[in-house]
Amino acid sequence: ADNQALVSAAAIGARKGKKHIISTAFEHHAILHTLKKLEKEGFE
């Protein structure tokens, strides 16, 4: 569910030219690792 949520929101943002995501330093790794993947795809 975490993976799908982040990937979906990122896709919505990318379609609008928005590629910045905010989270926290102590999230579960399901969030942090997905964010790392999105960083490799050009998200900040």
PDB file of all heavy atoms in Angstrom:
ATOM      1  N   ALA A   1       0.830  -1.204   0.000  1.00  0.00           N
ATOM      2  CA  ALA A   1       0.000   0.000   0.000  1.00  0.00           C
ATOM      3  C   ALA A   1       0.866   1.257   0.000  1.00  0.00           C
ATOM      4  O   ALA A   1       0.579   2.229  -0.720  1.00  0.00           O
ATOM      5  CB  ALA A   1      -0.936  -0.008   1.211  1.00  0.00           C
ATOM      6  N   ASP A   2       1.938   1.269   0.801  1.00  0.00           N
ATOM      7  CA  ASP A   2       2.858   2.404   0.820  1.00  0.00           C
ATOM      8  C   ASP A   2       3.489   2.621  -0.546  1.00  0.00           C
ATOM      9  O   ASP A   2       3.579   3.751  -1.043  1.00  0.00           O
ATOM     10  CB  ASP A   2       3.963   2.177   1.853  1.00  0.00           C
ATOM     11  CG  ASP A   2       3.509   2.450   3.279  1.00  0.00           C
ATOM     12  OD1 ASP A   2       2.477   3.116   3.465  1.00  0.00           O
ATOM     13  OD2 ASP A   2       4.206   1.997   4.214  1.00  0.00           O
ATOM     14  N   ASN A   3       3.966   1.537  -1.144  1.00  0.00           N
ATOM     15  CA  ASN A   3       4.600   1.635  -2.454  1.00  0.00           C
ATOM     16  C   ASN A   3       3.646   2.213  -3.488  1.00  0.00           C
ATOM     17  O   ASN A   3       3.999   3.125  -4.244  1.00  0.00           O
ATOM     18  CB  ASN A   3       5.095   0.260  -2.914  1.00  0.00           C
ATOM     19  CG  ASN A   3       6.467  -0.095  -2.391  1.00  0.00           C
ATOM     20  OD1 ASN A   3       7.439  -0.077  -3.135  1.00  0.00           O
ATOM     21  ND2 ASN A   3       6.562  -0.427  -1.121  1.00  0.00           N
ATOM     22  N   GLN A   4       2.433   1.689  -3.524  1.00  0.00           N
ATOM     23  CA  GLN A   4       1.475   2.161  -4.524  1.00  0.00           C
ATOM     24  C   GLN A   4       1.083   3.611  -4.282  1.00  0.00           C
ATOM     25  O   GLN A   4       0.914   4.384  -5.227  1.00  0.00           O
ATOM     26  CB  GLN A   4       0.231   1.272  -4.542  1.00  0.00           C
ATOM     27  CG  GLN A   4      -0.713   1.619  -5.693  1.00  0.00           C
ATOM     28  CD  GLN A   4      -1.767   0.558  -5.936  1.00  0.00           C
ATOM     29  OE1 GLN A   4      -2.080  -0.249  -5.062  1.00  0.00           O
ATOM     30  NE2 GLN A   4      -2.324   0.548  -7.139  1.00  0.00           N
ATOM     31  N   ALA A   5       0.951   4.001  -3.021  1.00  0.00           N
ATOM     32  CA  ALA A   5       0.594   5.384  -2.696  1.00  0.00           C
ATOM     33  C   ALA A   5       1.654   6.352  -3.203  1.00  0.00           C
ATOM     34  O   ALA A   5       1.350   7.352  -3.872  1.00  0.00           O
ATOM     35  CB  ALA A   5       0.407   5.536  -1.193  1.00  0.00           C
ATOM     36  N   LEU A   6       2.918   6.076  -2.894  1.00  0.00           N
ATOM     37  CA  LEU A   6       3.989   6.989  -3.285  1.00  0.00           C
ATOM     38  C   LEU A   6       4.193   7.022  -4.795  1.00  0.00           C
ATOM     39  O   LEU A   6       4.353   8.106  -5.386  1.00  0.00           O
ATOM     40  CB  LEU A   6       5.298   6.597  -2.584  1.00  0.00           C
ATOM     41  CG  LEU A   6       5.569   7.305  -1.248  1.00  0.00           C
ATOM     42  CD1 LEU A   6       4.455   7.040  -0.246  1.00  0.00           C
ATOM     43  CD2 LEU A   6       6.923   6.893  -0.676  1.00  0.00           C
ATOM     44  N   VAL A   7       4.174   5.863  -5.421  1.00  0.00           N
ATOM     45  CA  VAL A   7       4.362   5.809  -6.868  1.00  0.00           C
ATOM     46  C   VAL A   7       3.219   6.534  -7.580  1.00  0.00           C
ATOM     47  O   VAL A   7       3.436   7.251  -8.567  1.00  0.00           O
ATOM     48  CB  VAL A   7       4.468   4.341  -7.331  1.00  0.00           C
ATOM     49  CG1 VAL A   7       4.381   4.236  -8.846  1.00  0.00           C
ATOM     50  CG2 VAL A   7       5.768   3.717  -6.833  1.00  0.00           C
ATOM     51  N   SER A   8       2.003   6.367  -7.067  1.00  0.00           N
ATOM     52  CA  SER A   8       0.846   7.014  -7.683  1.00  0.00           C
ATOM     53  C   SER A   8       0.911   8.527  -7.556  1.00  0.00           C
ATOM     54  O   SER A   8       0.701   9.267  -8.528  1.00  0.00           O
ATOM     55  CB  SER A   8      -0.444   6.492  -7.039  1.00  0.00           C
ATOM     56  OG  SER A   8      -0.592   5.096  -7.225  1.00  0.00           O
ATOM     57  N   ALA A   9       1.213   9.013  -6.357  1.00  0.00           N
ATOM     58  CA  ALA A   9       1.301  10.457  -6.142  1.00  0.00           C
ATOM     59  C   ALA A   9       2.443  11.061  -6.957  1.00  0.00           C
ATOM     60  O   ALA A   9       2.319  12.177  -7.488  1.00  0.00           O
ATOM     61  CB  ALA A   9       1.485  10.749  -4.657  1.00  0.00           C
ATOM     62  N   ALA A  10       3.546  10.327  -7.066  1.00  0.00           N
ATOM     63  CA  ALA A  10       4.671  10.809  -7.856  1.00  0.00           C
ATOM     64  C   ALA A  10       4.290  10.915  -9.330  1.00  0.00           C
ATOM     65  O   ALA A  10       4.662  11.886 -10.012  1.00  0.00           O
ATOM     66  CB  ALA A  10       5.867   9.874  -7.684  1.00  0.00           C
ATOM     67  N   ALA A  11       3.547   9.935  -9.821  1.00  0.00           N
ATOM     68  CA  ALA A  11       3.114   9.968 -11.220  1.00  0.00           C
ATOM     69  C   ALA A  11       2.193  11.147 -11.484  1.00  0.00           C
ATOM     70  O   ALA A  11       2.283  11.815 -12.521  1.00  0.00           O
ATOM     71  CB  ALA A  11       2.423   8.651 -11.581  1.00  0.00           C
ATOM     72  N   ILE A  12       1.294  11.416 -10.536  1.00  0.00           N
ATOM     73  CA  ILE A  12       0.397  12.572 -10.666  1.00  0.00           C
ATOM     74  C   ILE A  12       1.215  13.857 -10.702  1.00  0.00           C
ATOM     75  O   ILE A  12       0.975  14.753 -11.525  1.00  0.00           O
ATOM     76  CB  ILE A  12      -0.613  12.605  -9.499  1.00  0.00           C
ATOM     77  CG1 ILE A  12      -1.564  11.413  -9.590  1.00  0.00           C
ATOM     78  CG2 ILE A  12      -1.394  13.919  -9.485  1.00  0.00           C
ATOM     79  CD1 ILE A  12      -2.449  11.239  -8.362  1.00  0.00           C
ATOM     80  N   GLY A  13       2.192  13.954  -9.813  1.00  0.00           N
ATOM     81  CA  GLY A  13       3.041  15.136  -9.779  1.00  0.00           C
ATOM     82  C   GLY A  13       3.853  15.318 -11.044  1.00  0.00           C
ATOM     83  O   GLY A  13       3.967  16.434 -11.576  1.00  0.00           O
ATOM     84  N   ALA A  14       4.413  14.224 -11.550  1.00  0.00           N
ATOM     85  CA  ALA A  14       5.243  14.292 -12.749  1.00  0.00           C
ATOM     86  C   ALA A  14       4.447  14.809 -13.942  1.00  0.00           C
ATOM     87  O   ALA A  14       4.977  15.564 -14.776  1.00  0.00           O
ATOM     88  CB  ALA A  14       5.841  12.919 -13.048  1.00  0.00           C
ATOM     89  N   ARG A  15       3.179  14.408 -14.037  1.00  0.00           N
ATOM     90  CA  ARG A  15       2.342  14.872 -15.140  1.00  0.00           C
ATOM     91  C   ARG A  15       2.113  16.381 -15.075  1.00  0.00           C
ATOM     92  O   ARG A  15       1.819  17.023 -16.081  1.00  0.00           O
ATOM     93  CB  ARG A  15       1.001  14.126 -15.146  1.00  0.00           C
ATOM     94  CG  ARG A  15       1.111  12.663 -15.556  1.00  0.00           C
ATOM     95  CD  ARG A  15      -0.236  12.052 -15.849  1.00  0.00           C
ATOM     96  NE  ARG A  15      -1.041  11.868 -14.658  1.00  0.00           N
ATOM     97  CZ  ARG A  15      -1.068  10.764 -13.920  1.00  0.00           C
ATOM     98  NH1 ARG A  15      -0.278   9.740 -14.252  1.00  0.00           N
ATOM     99  NH2 ARG A  15      -1.834  10.662 -12.858  1.00  0.00           N
ATOM    100  N   LYS A  16       2.259  16.938 -13.870  1.00  0.00           N
ATOM    101  CA  LYS A  16       2.070  18.385 -13.682  1.00  0.00           C
ATOM    102  C   LYS A  16       3.403  19.135 -13.601  1.00  0.00           C
ATOM    103  O   LYS A  16       3.422  20.345 -13.340  1.00  0.00           O
ATOM    104  CB  LYS A  16       1.277  18.633 -12.401  1.00  0.00           C
ATOM    105  CG  LYS A  16      -0.125  18.032 -12.400  1.00  0.00           C
ATOM    106  CD  LYS A  16      -0.813  18.282 -11.062  1.00  0.00           C
ATOM    107  CE  LYS A  16      -2.215  17.691 -11.034  1.00  0.00           C
ATOM    108  NZ  LYS A  16      -2.888  17.909  -9.713  1.00  0.00           N
ATOM    109  N   GLY A  17       4.498  18.406 -13.795  1.00  0.00           N
ATOM    110  CA  GLY A  17       5.807  19.026 -13.708  1.00  0.00           C
ATOM    111  C   GLY A  17       6.259  19.274 -12.285  1.00  0.00           C
ATOM    112  O   GLY A  17       7.152  20.097 -12.042  1.00  0.00           O
ATOM    113  N   LYS A  18       5.666  18.562 -11.324  1.00  0.00           N
ATOM    114  CA  LYS A  18       6.029  18.715  -9.912  1.00  0.00           C
ATOM    115  C   LYS A  18       6.728  17.442  -9.441  1.00  0.00           C
ATOM    116  O   LYS A  18       6.136  16.359  -9.461  1.00  0.00           O
ATOM    117  CB  LYS A  18       4.788  18.977  -9.066  1.00  0.00           C
ATOM    118  CG  LYS A  18       4.065  20.271  -9.416  1.00  0.00           C
ATOM    119  CD  LYS A  18       2.882  20.515  -8.492  1.00  0.00           C
ATOM    120  CE  LYS A  18       2.224  21.855  -8.790  1.00  0.00           C
ATOM    121  NZ  LYS A  18       1.124  22.155  -7.833  1.00  0.00           N
ATOM    122  N   LYS A  19       7.963  17.573  -8.981  1.00  0.00           N
ATOM    123  CA  LYS A  19       8.748  16.388  -8.632  1.00  0.00           C
ATOM    124  C   LYS A  19       9.477  16.548  -7.301  1.00  0.00           C
ATOM    125  O   LYS A  19      10.593  16.073  -7.116  1.00  0.00           O
ATOM    126  CB  LYS A  19       9.732  16.061  -9.759  1.00  0.00           C
ATOM    127  CG  LYS A  19       9.061  15.865 -11.126  1.00  0.00           C
ATOM    128  CD  LYS A  19       9.992  15.310 -12.165  1.00  0.00           C
ATOM    129  CE  LYS A  19      10.267  13.844 -11.961  1.00  0.00           C
ATOM    130  NZ  LYS A  19      11.049  13.227 -13.056  1.00  0.00           N
ATOM    131  N   HIS A  20       8.805  17.203  -6.354  1.00  0.00           N
ATOM    132  CA  HIS A  20       9.375  17.355  -5.017  1.00  0.00           C
ATOM    133  C   HIS A  20       8.480  16.647  -4.004  1.00  0.00           C
ATOM    134  O   HIS A  20       7.258  16.824  -4.013  1.00  0.00           O
ATOM    135  CB  HIS A  20       9.496  18.838  -4.646  1.00  0.00           C
ATOM    136  CG  HIS A  20       9.983  19.071  -3.247  1.00  0.00           C
ATOM    137  ND1 HIS A  20       9.274  19.817  -2.317  1.00  0.00           N
ATOM    138  CD2 HIS A  20      11.104  18.645  -2.596  1.00  0.00           C
ATOM    139  CE1 HIS A  20       9.945  19.852  -1.184  1.00  0.00           C
ATOM    140  NE2 HIS A  20      11.051  19.155  -1.317  1.00  0.00           N
ATOM    141  N   ILE A  21       9.076  15.821  -3.146  1.00  0.00           N
ATOM    142  CA  ILE A  21       8.339  15.030  -2.160  1.00  0.00           C
ATOM    143  C   ILE A  21       8.884  15.324  -0.770  1.00  0.00           C
ATOM    144  O   ILE A  21      10.101  15.418  -0.571  1.00  0.00           O
ATOM    145  CB  ILE A  21       8.448  13.522  -2.466  1.00  0.00           C
ATOM    146  CG1 ILE A  21       7.880  13.210  -3.849  1.00  0.00           C
ATOM    147  CG2 ILE A  21       7.729  12.705  -1.391  1.00  0.00           C
ATOM    148  CD1 ILE A  21       8.121  11.776  -4.304  1.00  0.00           C
ATOM    149  N   ILE A  22       7.984  15.443   0.190  1.00  0.00           N
ATOM    150  CA  ILE A  22       8.362  15.683   1.584  1.00  0.00           C
ATOM    151  C   ILE A  22       7.975  14.480   2.435  1.00  0.00           C
ATOM    152  O   ILE A  22       6.864  13.960   2.317  1.00  0.00           O
ATOM    153  CB  ILE A  22       7.661  16.941   2.137  1.00  0.00           C
ATOM    154  CG1 ILE A  22       8.083  18.183   1.347  1.00  0.00           C
ATOM    155  CG2 ILE A  22       7.971  17.132   3.624  1.00  0.00           C
ATOM    156  CD1 ILE A  22       7.246  19.410   1.672  1.00  0.00           C
ATOM    157  N   SER A  23       8.891  14.034   3.268  1.00  0.00           N
ATOM    158  CA  SER A  23       8.591  12.953   4.216  1.00  0.00           C
ATOM    159  C   SER A  23       9.421  13.216   5.472  1.00  0.00           C
ATOM    160  O   SER A  23       9.913  14.310   5.690  1.00  0.00           O
ATOM    161  CB  SER A  23       8.890  11.587   3.600  1.00  0.00           C
ATOM    162  OG  SER A  23       8.389  10.543   4.418  1.00  0.00           O
ATOM    163  N   THR A  24       9.576  12.201   6.317  1.00  0.00           N
ATOM    164  CA  THR A  24      10.363  12.368   7.537  1.00  0.00           C
ATOM    165  C   THR A  24      11.508  11.365   7.575  1.00  0.00           C
ATOM    166  O   THR A  24      11.502  10.365   6.852  1.00  0.00           O
ATOM    167  CB  THR A  24       9.500  12.191   8.803  1.00  0.00           C
ATOM    168  OG1 THR A  24       9.243  10.787   9.006  1.00  0.00           O
ATOM    169  CG2 THR A  24       8.187  12.940   8.684  1.00  0.00           C
ATOM    170  N   ALA A  25      12.453  11.638   8.459  1.00  0.00           N
ATOM    171  CA  ALA A  25      13.666  10.820   8.540  1.00  0.00           C
ATOM    172  C   ALA A  25      13.439   9.476   9.205  1.00  0.00           C
ATOM    173  O   ALA A  25      14.315   8.611   9.144  1.00  0.00           O
ATOM    174  CB  ALA A  25      14.759  11.582   9.286  1.00  0.00           C
ATOM    175  N   PHE A  26      12.274   9.281   9.855  1.00  0.00           N
ATOM    176  CA  PHE A  26      12.116   8.010  10.574  1.00  0.00           C
ATOM    177  C   PHE A  26      10.925   7.187  10.076  1.00  0.00           C
ATOM    178  O   PHE A  26      10.363   6.382  10.809  1.00  0.00           O
ATOM    179  CB  PHE A  26      12.053   8.236  12.075  1.00  0.00           C
ATOM    180  CG  PHE A  26      10.768   8.817  12.639  1.00  0.00           C
ATOM    181  CD1 PHE A  26      10.484   8.675  13.983  1.00  0.00           C
ATOM    182  CD2 PHE A  26       9.855   9.471  11.851  1.00  0.00           C
ATOM    183  CE1 PHE A  26       9.320   9.171  14.543  1.00  0.00           C
ATOM    184  CE2 PHE A  26       8.678   9.971  12.378  1.00  0.00           C
ATOM    185  CZ  PHE A  26       8.413   9.822  13.725  1.00  0.00           C
ATOM    186  N   GLU A  27      10.587   7.366   8.808  1.00  0.00           N
ATOM    187  CA  GLU A  27       9.532   6.560   8.209  1.00  0.00           C
ATOM    188  C   GLU A  27       9.941   5.085   8.139  1.00  0.00           C
ATOM    189  O   GLU A  27      11.125   4.738   8.212  1.00  0.00           O
ATOM    190  CB  GLU A  27       9.216   7.060   6.803  1.00  0.00           C
ATOM    191  CG  GLU A  27       8.686   8.466   6.721  1.00  0.00           C
ATOM    192  CD  GLU A  27       7.290   8.618   7.299  1.00  0.00           C
ATOM    193  OE1 GLU A  27       6.425   7.777   7.001  1.00  0.00           O
ATOM    194  OE2 GLU A  27       7.063   9.586   8.052  1.00  0.00           O
ATOM    195  N   HIS A  28       8.946   4.239   7.936  1.00  0.00           N
ATOM    196  CA  HIS A  28       9.211   2.818   7.693  1.00  0.00           C
ATOM    197  C   HIS A  28       9.983   2.689   6.378  1.00  0.00           C
ATOM    198  O   HIS A  28       9.860   3.517   5.484  1.00  0.00           O
ATOM    199  CB  HIS A  28       7.883   2.063   7.606  1.00  0.00           C
ATOM    200  CG  HIS A  28       8.027   0.578   7.589  1.00  0.00           C
ATOM    201  ND1 HIS A  28       8.272  -0.123   6.426  1.00  0.00           N
ATOM    202  CD2 HIS A  28       7.946  -0.352   8.575  1.00  0.00           C
ATOM    203  CE1 HIS A  28       8.333  -1.426   6.706  1.00  0.00           C
ATOM    204  NE2 HIS A  28       8.155  -1.582   7.997  1.00  0.00           N
ATOM    205  N   HIS A  29      10.778   1.642   6.261  1.00  0.00           N
ATOM    206  CA  HIS A  29      11.573   1.472   5.051  1.00  0.00           C
ATOM    207  C   HIS A  29      10.726   1.251   3.800  1.00  0.00           C
ATOM    208  O   HIS A  29      11.223   1.457   2.678  1.00  0.00           O
ATOM    209  CB  HIS A  29      12.565   0.321   5.227  1.00  0.00           C
ATOM    210  CG  HIS A  29      13.772   0.694   6.022  1.00  0.00           C
ATOM    211  ND1 HIS A  29      14.141   0.047   7.181  1.00  0.00           N
ATOM    212  CD2 HIS A  29      14.692   1.682   5.849  1.00  0.00           C
ATOM    213  CE1 HIS A  29      15.229   0.599   7.672  1.00  0.00           C
ATOM    214  NE2 HIS A  29      15.583   1.599   6.895  1.00  0.00           N
ATOM    215  N   ALA A  30       9.487   0.855   3.952  1.00  0.00           N
ATOM    216  CA  ALA A  30       8.610   0.773   2.785  1.00  0.00           C
ATOM    217  C   ALA A  30       8.456   2.146   2.138  1.00  0.00           C
ATOM    218  O   ALA A  30       8.304   2.259   0.923  1.00  0.00           O
ATOM    219  CB  ALA A  30       7.235   0.228   3.185  1.00  0.00           C
ATOM    220  N   ILE A  31       8.508   3.187   2.952  1.00  0.00           N
ATOM    221  CA  ILE A  31       8.467   4.559   2.451  1.00  0.00           C
ATOM    222  C   ILE A  31       9.852   5.007   2.005  1.00  0.00           C
ATOM    223  O   ILE A  31      10.048   5.472   0.871  1.00  0.00           O
ATOM    224  CB  ILE A  31       7.937   5.525   3.532  1.00  0.00           C
ATOM    225  CG1 ILE A  31       6.485   5.182   3.894  1.00  0.00           C
ATOM    226  CG2 ILE A  31       8.062   6.974   3.066  1.00  0.00           C
ATOM    227  CD1 ILE A  31       5.482   5.443   2.813  1.00  0.00           C
ATOM    228  N   LEU A  32      10.848   4.872   2.876  1.00  0.00           N
ATOM    229  CA  LEU A  32      12.177   5.405   2.587  1.00  0.00           C
ATOM    230  C   LEU A  32      12.816   4.754   1.359  1.00  0.00           C
ATOM    231  O   LEU A  32      13.454   5.432   0.548  1.00  0.00           O
ATOM    232  CB  LEU A  32      13.082   5.228   3.812  1.00  0.00           C
ATOM    233  CG  LEU A  32      12.682   6.037   5.052  1.00  0.00           C
ATOM    234  CD1 LEU A  32      13.611   5.723   6.219  1.00  0.00           C
ATOM    235  CD2 LEU A  32      12.687   7.534   4.760  1.00  0.00           C
ATOM    236  N   HIS A  33      12.651   3.449   1.214  1.00  0.00           N
ATOM    237  CA  HIS A  33      13.244   2.779   0.058  1.00  0.00           C
ATOM    238  C   HIS A  33      12.530   3.154  -1.237  1.00  0.00           C
ATOM    239  O   HIS A  33      13.173   3.270  -2.298  1.00  0.00           O
ATOM    240  CB  HIS A  33      13.212   1.263   0.255  1.00  0.00           C
ATOM    241  CG  HIS A  33      14.161   0.784   1.306  1.00  0.00           C
ATOM    242  ND1 HIS A  33      14.252  -0.544   1.696  1.00  0.00           N
ATOM    243  CD2 HIS A  33      15.065   1.443   2.066  1.00  0.00           C
ATOM    244  CE1 HIS A  33      15.169  -0.667   2.638  1.00  0.00           C
ATOM    245  NE2 HIS A  33      15.670   0.526   2.882  1.00  0.00           N
ATOM    246  N   THR A  34      11.218   3.362  -1.167  1.00  0.00           N
ATOM    247  CA  THR A  34      10.488   3.809  -2.350  1.00  0.00           C
ATOM    248  C   THR A  34      10.907   5.226  -2.730  1.00  0.00           C
ATOM    249  O   THR A  34      11.026   5.556  -3.919  1.00  0.00           O
ATOM    250  CB  THR A  34       8.970   3.754  -2.107  1.00  0.00           C
ATOM    251  OG1 THR A  34       8.607   2.438  -1.684  1.00  0.00           O
ATOM    252  CG2 THR A  34       8.199   4.085  -3.372  1.00  0.00           C
ATOM    253  N   LEU A  35      11.142   6.060  -1.730  1.00  0.00           N
ATOM    254  CA  LEU A  35      11.616   7.415  -2.001  1.00  0.00           C
ATOM    255  C   LEU A  35      12.994   7.387  -2.665  1.00  0.00           C
ATOM    256  O   LEU A  35      13.279   8.188  -3.566  1.00  0.00           O
ATOM    257  CB  LEU A  35      11.665   8.226  -0.711  1.00  0.00           C
ATOM    258  CG  LEU A  35      10.310   8.571  -0.076  1.00  0.00           C
ATOM    259  CD1 LEU A  35      10.516   9.294   1.249  1.00  0.00           C
ATOM    260  CD2 LEU A  35       9.462   9.422  -1.023  1.00  0.00           C
ATOM    261  N   LYS A  36      13.856   6.482  -2.219  1.00  0.00           N
ATOM    262  CA  LYS A  36      15.170   6.344  -2.844  1.00  0.00           C
ATOM    263  C   LYS A  36      15.021   5.979  -4.323  1.00  0.00           C
ATOM    264  O   LYS A  36      15.736   6.499  -5.196  1.00  0.00           O
ATOM    265  CB  LYS A  36      15.991   5.273  -2.123  1.00  0.00           C
ATOM    266  CG  LYS A  36      16.614   5.717  -0.807  1.00  0.00           C
ATOM    267  CD  LYS A  36      17.740   6.710  -1.066  1.00  0.00           C
ATOM    268  CE  LYS A  36      18.454   7.046   0.245  1.00  0.00           C
ATOM    269  NZ  LYS A  36      19.506   8.079   0.016  1.00  0.00           N
ATOM    270  N   LYS A  37      14.094   5.088  -4.598  1.00  0.00           N
ATOM    271  CA  LYS A  37      13.840   4.693  -5.983  1.00  0.00           C
ATOM    272  C   LYS A  37      13.352   5.882  -6.801  1.00  0.00           C
ATOM    273  O   LYS A  37      13.781   6.092  -7.945  1.00  0.00           O
ATOM    274  CB  LYS A  37      12.815   3.556  -6.007  1.00  0.00           C
ATOM    275  CG  LYS A  37      12.442   3.078  -7.392  1.00  0.00           C
ATOM    276  CD  LYS A  37      11.406   1.971  -7.324  1.00  0.00           C
ATOM    277  CE  LYS A  37      10.980   1.540  -8.729  1.00  0.00           C
ATOM    278  NZ  LYS A  37       9.936   0.481  -8.683  1.00  0.00           N
ATOM    279  N   LEU A  38      12.458   6.680  -6.219  1.00  0.00           N
ATOM    280  CA  LEU A  38      11.933   7.847  -6.928  1.00  0.00           C
ATOM    281  C   LEU A  38      13.009   8.903  -7.155  1.00  0.00           C
ATOM    282  O   LEU A  38      12.985   9.618  -8.168  1.00  0.00           O
ATOM    283  CB  LEU A  38      10.750   8.433  -6.159  1.00  0.00           C
ATOM    284  CG  LEU A  38       9.481   7.565  -6.153  1.00  0.00           C
ATOM    285  CD1 LEU A  38       8.446   8.134  -5.180  1.00  0.00           C
ATOM    286  CD2 LEU A  38       8.891   7.473  -7.563  1.00  0.00           C
ATOM    287  N   GLU A  39      13.953   9.012  -6.216  1.00  0.00           N
ATOM    288  CA  GLU A  39      15.066   9.939  -6.411  1.00  0.00           C
ATOM    289  C   GLU A  39      15.857   9.577  -7.663  1.00  0.00           C
ATOM    290  O   GLU A  39      16.295  10.454  -8.408  1.00  0.00           O
ATOM    291  CB  GLU A  39      15.985   9.928  -5.190  1.00  0.00           C
ATOM    292  CG  GLU A  39      15.477  10.743  -4.017  1.00  0.00           C
ATOM    293  CD  GLU A  39      16.473  10.807  -2.871  1.00  0.00           C
ATOM    294  OE1 GLU A  39      17.036   9.746  -2.512  1.00  0.00           O
ATOM    295  OE2 GLU A  39      16.679  11.912  -2.349  1.00  0.00           O
ATOM    296  N   LYS A  40      16.034   8.285  -7.895  1.00  0.00           N
ATOM    297  CA  LYS A  40      16.760   7.837  -9.085  1.00  0.00           C
ATOM    298  C   LYS A  40      15.994   8.157 -10.362  1.00  0.00           C
ATOM    299  O   LYS A  40      16.584   8.165 -11.454  1.00  0.00           O
ATOM    300  CB  LYS A  40      17.034   6.337  -8.994  1.00  0.00           C
ATOM    301  CG  LYS A  40      17.974   5.951  -7.862  1.00  0.00           C
ATOM    302  CD  LYS A  40      18.159   4.450  -7.776  1.00  0.00           C
ATOM    303  CE  LYS A  40      19.075   4.073  -6.611  1.00  0.00           C
ATOM    304  NZ  LYS A  40      19.228   2.596  -6.485  1.00  0.00           N
ATOM    305  N   GLU A  41      14.680   8.401 -10.212  1.00  0.00           N
ATOM    306  CA  GLU A  41      13.849   8.743 -11.367  1.00  0.00           C
ATOM    307  C   GLU A  41      13.699  10.250 -11.529  1.00  0.00           C
ATOM    308  O   GLU A  41      12.878  10.712 -12.320  1.00  0.00           O
ATOM    309  CB  GLU A  41      12.473   8.083 -11.218  1.00  0.00           C
ATOM    310  CG  GLU A  41      12.539   6.561 -11.205  1.00  0.00           C
ATOM    311  CD  GLU A  41      11.186   5.912 -10.935  1.00  0.00           C
ATOM    312  OE1 GLU A  41      10.166   6.640 -10.902  1.00  0.00           O
ATOM    313  OE2 GLU A  41      11.144   4.680 -10.754  1.00  0.00           O
ATOM    314  N   GLY A  42      14.465  11.003 -10.758  1.00  0.00           N
ATOM    315  CA  GLY A  42      14.484  12.442 -10.944  1.00  0.00           C
ATOM    316  C   GLY A  42      13.701  13.254  -9.937  1.00  0.00           C
ATOM    317  O   GLY A  42      13.621  14.488 -10.058  1.00  0.00           O
ATOM    318  N   PHE A  43      13.141  12.619  -8.922  1.00  0.00           N
ATOM    319  CA  PHE A  43      12.409  13.347  -7.888  1.00  0.00           C
ATOM    320  C   PHE A  43      13.374  13.846  -6.810  1.00  0.00           C
ATOM    321  O   PHE A  43      14.397  13.210  -6.531  1.00  0.00           O
ATOM    322  CB  PHE A  43      11.333  12.461  -7.252  1.00  0.00           C
ATOM    323  CG  PHE A  43      10.150  12.219  -8.149  1.00  0.00           C
ATOM    324  CD1 PHE A  43      10.184  11.225  -9.113  1.00  0.00           C
ATOM    325  CD2 PHE A  43       9.011  12.991  -8.039  1.00  0.00           C
ATOM    326  CE1 PHE A  43       9.106  11.007  -9.956  1.00  0.00           C
ATOM    327  CE2 PHE A  43       7.919  12.779  -8.871  1.00  0.00           C
ATOM    328  CZ  PHE A  43       7.969  11.782  -9.837  1.00  0.00           C
ATOM    329  N   GLU A  44      13.029  14.970  -6.218  1.00  0.00           N
ATOM    330  CA  GLU A  44      13.805  15.508  -5.108  1.00  0.00           C
ATOM    331  C   GLU A  44      13.046  15.243  -3.816  1.00  0.00           C
ATOM    332  O   GLU A  44      11.844  15.517  -3.731  1.00  0.00           O
ATOM    333  CB  GLU A  44      14.027  17.009  -5.274  1.00  0.00           C
ATOM    334  CG  GLU A  44      14.885  17.622  -4.180  1.00  0.00           C
ATOM    335  CD  GLU A  44      15.093  19.113  -4.358  1.00  0.00           C
ATOM    336  OE1 GLU A  44      14.730  19.651  -5.424  1.00  0.00           O
ATOM    337  OE2 GLU A  44      15.612  19.751  -3.416  1.00  0.00           O
TER     338      GLU A  44
END
